[in-house]
Amino acid sequence: MVSLSIPMTTNILTLVLVLIMIVLAGFVGWLLYTCESGACLVFSWQKERVATDFTRCAELGFPVMESYPRQCRAGTKTFVEDIEPLPQATDERIRVTAPLPNATVGSPLTIRGEARGNWYFEASFPVRLRDANGKELAVAPAQAQGEWMTTEFVPFEVMLTFATPETETGALILEKDNPSGLSEHDASISIPVRFAR
């Protein structure tokens, strides 16, 4: 009887050891090849495997090149940062190139862009700067920088000087010159700005 139970015990132990090794190998395989959380990523080849875009590449600590747009290199893979286009104050009749929406501005403030000729009257149109409470801080005429009697875009420029406002934000308002005074010919574009402190 004793001689029969020893091989049986050995077989059971061997089976248990084989099962433990299979479970352990499965866990190690999962840890190395499937797990994508930061705690599992020990080797650089694991990090390279899970780097799928610029943000993830940078999060994993791979080098980021200070190009424009920035690039992150994970081994043989290179990821380029997605850059959203800069916001512009644009309309089919007027385009403002400076300042951009939500830019921080101070005095003196230069406003540049281009407007179709019919936005002007006598080569100018009014530009106003207001604080967040609607208080007018400055007003001046933007001057056409070329022949304005056209339907094409004509560059303009104007400089506003103003005292430090009470509010942190405000709006730049570019109005179509309307000598007729008729409301159906009114038009304007508003650009949100932040004031430098």
Protein backbone atom coordinates (compact mmCIF):
# COMPACT_ATOMS: atom_id res chain seq x y z
CA MET A 1 0.00 0.00 0.00
CA VAL A 2 2.73 2.44 0.90
CA SER A 3 4.54 1.82 -2.37
CA LEU A 4 1.37 2.73 -4.36
CA SER A 5 0.73 6.07 -2.59
CA ILE A 6 4.23 7.53 -3.11
CA PRO A 7 4.00 7.65 -6.92
CA MET A 8 0.45 8.96 -6.66
CA THR A 9 1.60 11.76 -4.34
CA THR A 10 4.46 12.53 -6.71
CA ASN A 11 2.04 12.68 -9.63
CA ILE A 12 -0.25 15.05 -7.73
CA LEU A 13 2.66 17.27 -6.72
CA THR A 14 3.94 17.30 -10.30
CA LEU A 15 0.47 18.20 -11.56
CA VAL A 16 0.14 20.99 -8.99
CA LEU A 17 3.60 22.33 -9.91
CA VAL A 18 2.76 22.22 -13.62
CA LEU A 19 -0.52 24.09 -12.97
CA ILE A 20 1.31 26.70 -10.85
CA MET A 21 3.90 27.15 -13.62
CA ILE A 22 1.17 27.54 -16.27
CA VAL A 23 -0.65 30.13 -14.15
CA LEU A 24 2.63 31.91 -13.40
CA ALA A 25 3.65 31.88 -17.08
CA GLY A 26 0.21 33.21 -18.04
CA PHE A 27 0.50 35.99 -15.47
CA VAL A 28 4.03 36.92 -16.60
CA GLY A 29 2.87 36.86 -20.24
CA TRP A 30 -0.06 39.11 -19.39
CA LEU A 31 2.23 41.39 -17.39
CA LEU A 32 4.76 41.69 -20.19
CA TYR A 33 2.58 41.67 -23.30
CA THR A 34 -0.96 42.76 -22.43
CA CYS A 35 -0.97 45.04 -19.39
CA GLU A 36 -0.78 48.72 -20.37
CA SER A 37 -0.90 50.48 -17.00
CA GLY A 38 2.20 52.32 -15.80
CA ALA A 39 2.87 49.78 -13.03
CA CYS A 40 3.30 46.94 -15.58
CA LEU A 41 5.63 48.80 -17.92
CA VAL A 42 9.11 47.88 -16.77
CA PHE A 43 11.08 47.47 -19.98
CA SER A 44 11.47 50.07 -22.72
CA TRP A 45 10.16 47.65 -25.37
CA GLN A 46 6.91 47.41 -23.38
CA LYS A 47 6.60 51.20 -23.34
CA GLU A 48 7.34 51.36 -27.06
CA ARG A 49 4.55 48.85 -27.66
CA VAL A 50 1.91 50.93 -25.85
CA ALA A 51 3.03 54.31 -27.22
CA THR A 52 0.31 54.97 -29.80
CA ASP A 53 0.19 58.76 -30.03
CA PHE A 54 2.12 61.89 -29.04
CA THR A 55 0.42 62.32 -25.67
CA ARG A 56 0.96 58.71 -24.57
CA CYS A 57 4.54 58.78 -25.83
CA ALA A 58 5.30 61.90 -23.76
CA GLU A 59 3.51 60.43 -20.69
CA LEU A 60 5.75 57.36 -20.89
CA GLY A 61 8.83 59.56 -20.64
CA PHE A 62 10.16 59.28 -24.17
CA PRO A 63 12.16 62.27 -25.47
CA VAL A 64 10.16 65.16 -26.93
CA MET A 65 11.82 67.23 -29.65
CA GLU A 66 11.14 70.94 -29.38
CA SER A 67 10.22 71.31 -33.03
CA TYR A 68 6.99 72.83 -34.31
CA PRO A 69 4.87 70.85 -33.98
CA ARG A 70 6.65 68.88 -31.25
CA GLN A 71 7.62 65.27 -31.89
CA CYS A 72 8.04 62.34 -29.51
CA ARG A 73 10.24 59.37 -30.40
CA ALA A 74 9.54 55.91 -28.91
CA GLY A 75 12.18 53.56 -30.32
CA THR A 76 11.62 53.47 -34.08
CA LYS A 77 8.21 55.18 -33.87
CA THR A 78 7.83 58.97 -34.06
CA PHE A 79 4.62 60.75 -33.08
CA VAL A 80 3.80 64.33 -34.05
CA GLU A 81 1.74 66.51 -31.72
CA ASP A 82 -1.67 67.49 -33.06
CA ILE A 83 -1.81 71.26 -33.25
CA GLU A 84 -5.15 72.98 -33.39
CA PRO A 85 -5.14 75.88 -35.83
CA LEU A 86 -4.83 79.26 -34.19
CA PRO A 87 -8.20 80.91 -33.75
CA GLN A 88 -8.86 83.89 -35.96
CA ALA A 89 -11.54 86.50 -35.99
CA THR A 90 -12.84 85.94 -39.47
CA ASP A 91 -15.93 86.82 -41.41
CA GLU A 92 -16.58 86.84 -45.13
CA ARG A 93 -16.14 90.63 -44.97
CA ILE A 94 -13.34 91.16 -42.45
CA ARG A 95 -10.34 89.22 -41.11
CA VAL A 96 -8.39 90.24 -38.03
CA THR A 97 -4.84 88.89 -37.78
CA ALA A 98 -3.82 90.73 -34.58
CA PRO A 99 -4.78 90.42 -31.86
CA LEU A 100 -6.09 86.86 -31.96
CA PRO A 101 -9.17 85.96 -29.89
CA ASN A 102 -8.43 85.72 -26.14
CA ALA A 103 -4.98 87.27 -26.57
CA THR A 104 -3.54 89.24 -23.66
CA VAL A 105 -3.34 92.89 -24.70
CA GLY A 106 -1.96 96.10 -23.25
CA SER A 107 -1.75 99.76 -24.19
CA PRO A 108 -0.84 100.74 -26.86
CA LEU A 109 -2.70 98.04 -28.80
CA THR A 110 -2.18 97.66 -32.55
CA ILE A 111 -4.98 96.01 -34.50
CA ARG A 112 -4.24 94.63 -37.97
CA GLY A 113 -6.16 92.73 -40.59
CA GLU A 114 -8.01 93.18 -43.83
CA ALA A 115 -11.58 94.09 -44.73
CA ARG A 116 -13.50 94.25 -47.96
CA GLY A 117 -13.69 97.72 -49.46
CA ASN A 118 -17.39 98.11 -48.66
CA TRP A 119 -16.58 97.77 -44.91
CA TYR A 120 -14.86 101.18 -45.15
CA PHE A 121 -16.24 104.64 -45.78
CA GLU A 122 -13.74 107.29 -46.84
CA ALA A 123 -10.97 104.68 -46.23
CA SER A 124 -11.75 104.06 -42.54
CA PHE A 125 -14.09 102.35 -40.08
CA PRO A 126 -14.47 102.61 -36.27
CA VAL A 127 -12.73 100.26 -33.83
CA ARG A 128 -13.80 100.23 -30.17
CA LEU A 129 -12.33 98.61 -27.07
CA ARG A 130 -14.68 97.86 -24.17
CA ASP A 131 -14.16 96.24 -20.80
CA ALA A 132 -16.30 93.34 -19.55
CA ASN A 133 -18.82 95.82 -18.13
CA GLY A 134 -19.32 97.43 -21.54
CA LYS A 135 -17.39 100.59 -20.63
CA GLU A 136 -15.69 102.04 -23.69
CA LEU A 137 -11.94 102.32 -23.10
CA ALA A 138 -10.87 103.61 -26.51
CA VAL A 139 -12.18 104.30 -30.01
CA ALA A 140 -10.28 105.18 -33.18
CA PRO A 141 -10.71 104.82 -36.94
CA ALA A 142 -8.90 101.95 -38.65
CA GLN A 143 -7.28 103.26 -41.81
CA ALA A 144 -7.19 101.39 -45.11
CA GLN A 145 -3.63 100.64 -46.19
CA GLY A 146 -4.53 100.65 -49.89
CA GLU A 147 -7.24 101.52 -52.41
CA TRP A 148 -10.50 100.95 -50.54
CA MET A 149 -12.99 101.46 -53.38
CA THR A 150 -13.13 97.77 -54.24
CA THR A 151 -14.98 94.63 -53.21
CA GLU A 152 -11.65 92.87 -52.51
CA PHE A 153 -9.87 92.69 -49.15
CA VAL A 154 -7.88 95.80 -48.22
CA PRO A 155 -5.38 95.76 -45.30
CA PHE A 156 -6.01 98.03 -42.32
CA GLU A 157 -4.25 99.07 -39.14
CA VAL A 158 -5.15 101.10 -36.06
CA MET A 159 -3.54 101.76 -32.68
CA LEU A 160 -5.56 102.20 -29.48
CA THR A 161 -4.26 103.70 -26.25
CA PHE A 162 -6.19 103.14 -23.05
CA ALA A 163 -5.93 103.28 -19.26
CA THR A 164 -5.74 100.04 -17.27
CA PRO A 165 -9.29 98.68 -17.16
CA GLU A 166 -11.14 97.57 -14.04
CA THR A 167 -11.98 94.17 -15.52
CA GLU A 168 -9.64 91.35 -16.57
CA THR A 169 -11.39 90.78 -19.90
CA GLY A 170 -13.03 92.85 -22.58
CA ALA A 171 -13.90 92.98 -26.26
CA LEU A 172 -12.49 94.61 -29.34
CA ILE A 173 -15.30 95.64 -31.69
CA LEU A 174 -14.67 96.42 -35.35
CA GLU A 175 -17.70 98.10 -36.91
CA LYS A 176 -18.58 98.47 -40.56
CA ASP A 177 -18.71 102.18 -41.30
CA ASN A 178 -22.34 103.02 -41.94
CA PRO A 179 -22.80 106.69 -42.90
CA SER A 180 -26.44 106.02 -43.86
CA GLY A 181 -27.38 105.29 -40.25
CA LEU A 182 -29.79 102.58 -41.44
CA SER A 183 -29.71 99.55 -39.15
CA GLU A 184 -29.92 97.09 -42.08
CA HIS A 185 -26.43 98.23 -43.12
CA ASP A 186 -24.93 97.71 -39.64
CA ALA A 187 -22.29 94.99 -39.19
CA SER A 188 -19.55 94.33 -36.67
CA ILE A 189 -17.18 91.70 -35.40
CA SER A 190 -16.28 91.23 -31.73
CA ILE A 191 -13.01 89.74 -30.50
CA PRO A 192 -12.64 88.70 -26.84
CA VAL A 193 -9.40 89.91 -25.22
CA ARG A 194 -7.65 89.65 -21.84
CA PHE A 195 -5.97 92.70 -20.33
CA ALA A 196 -2.36 92.56 -19.22
CA ARG A 197 -1.90 93.29 -15.51
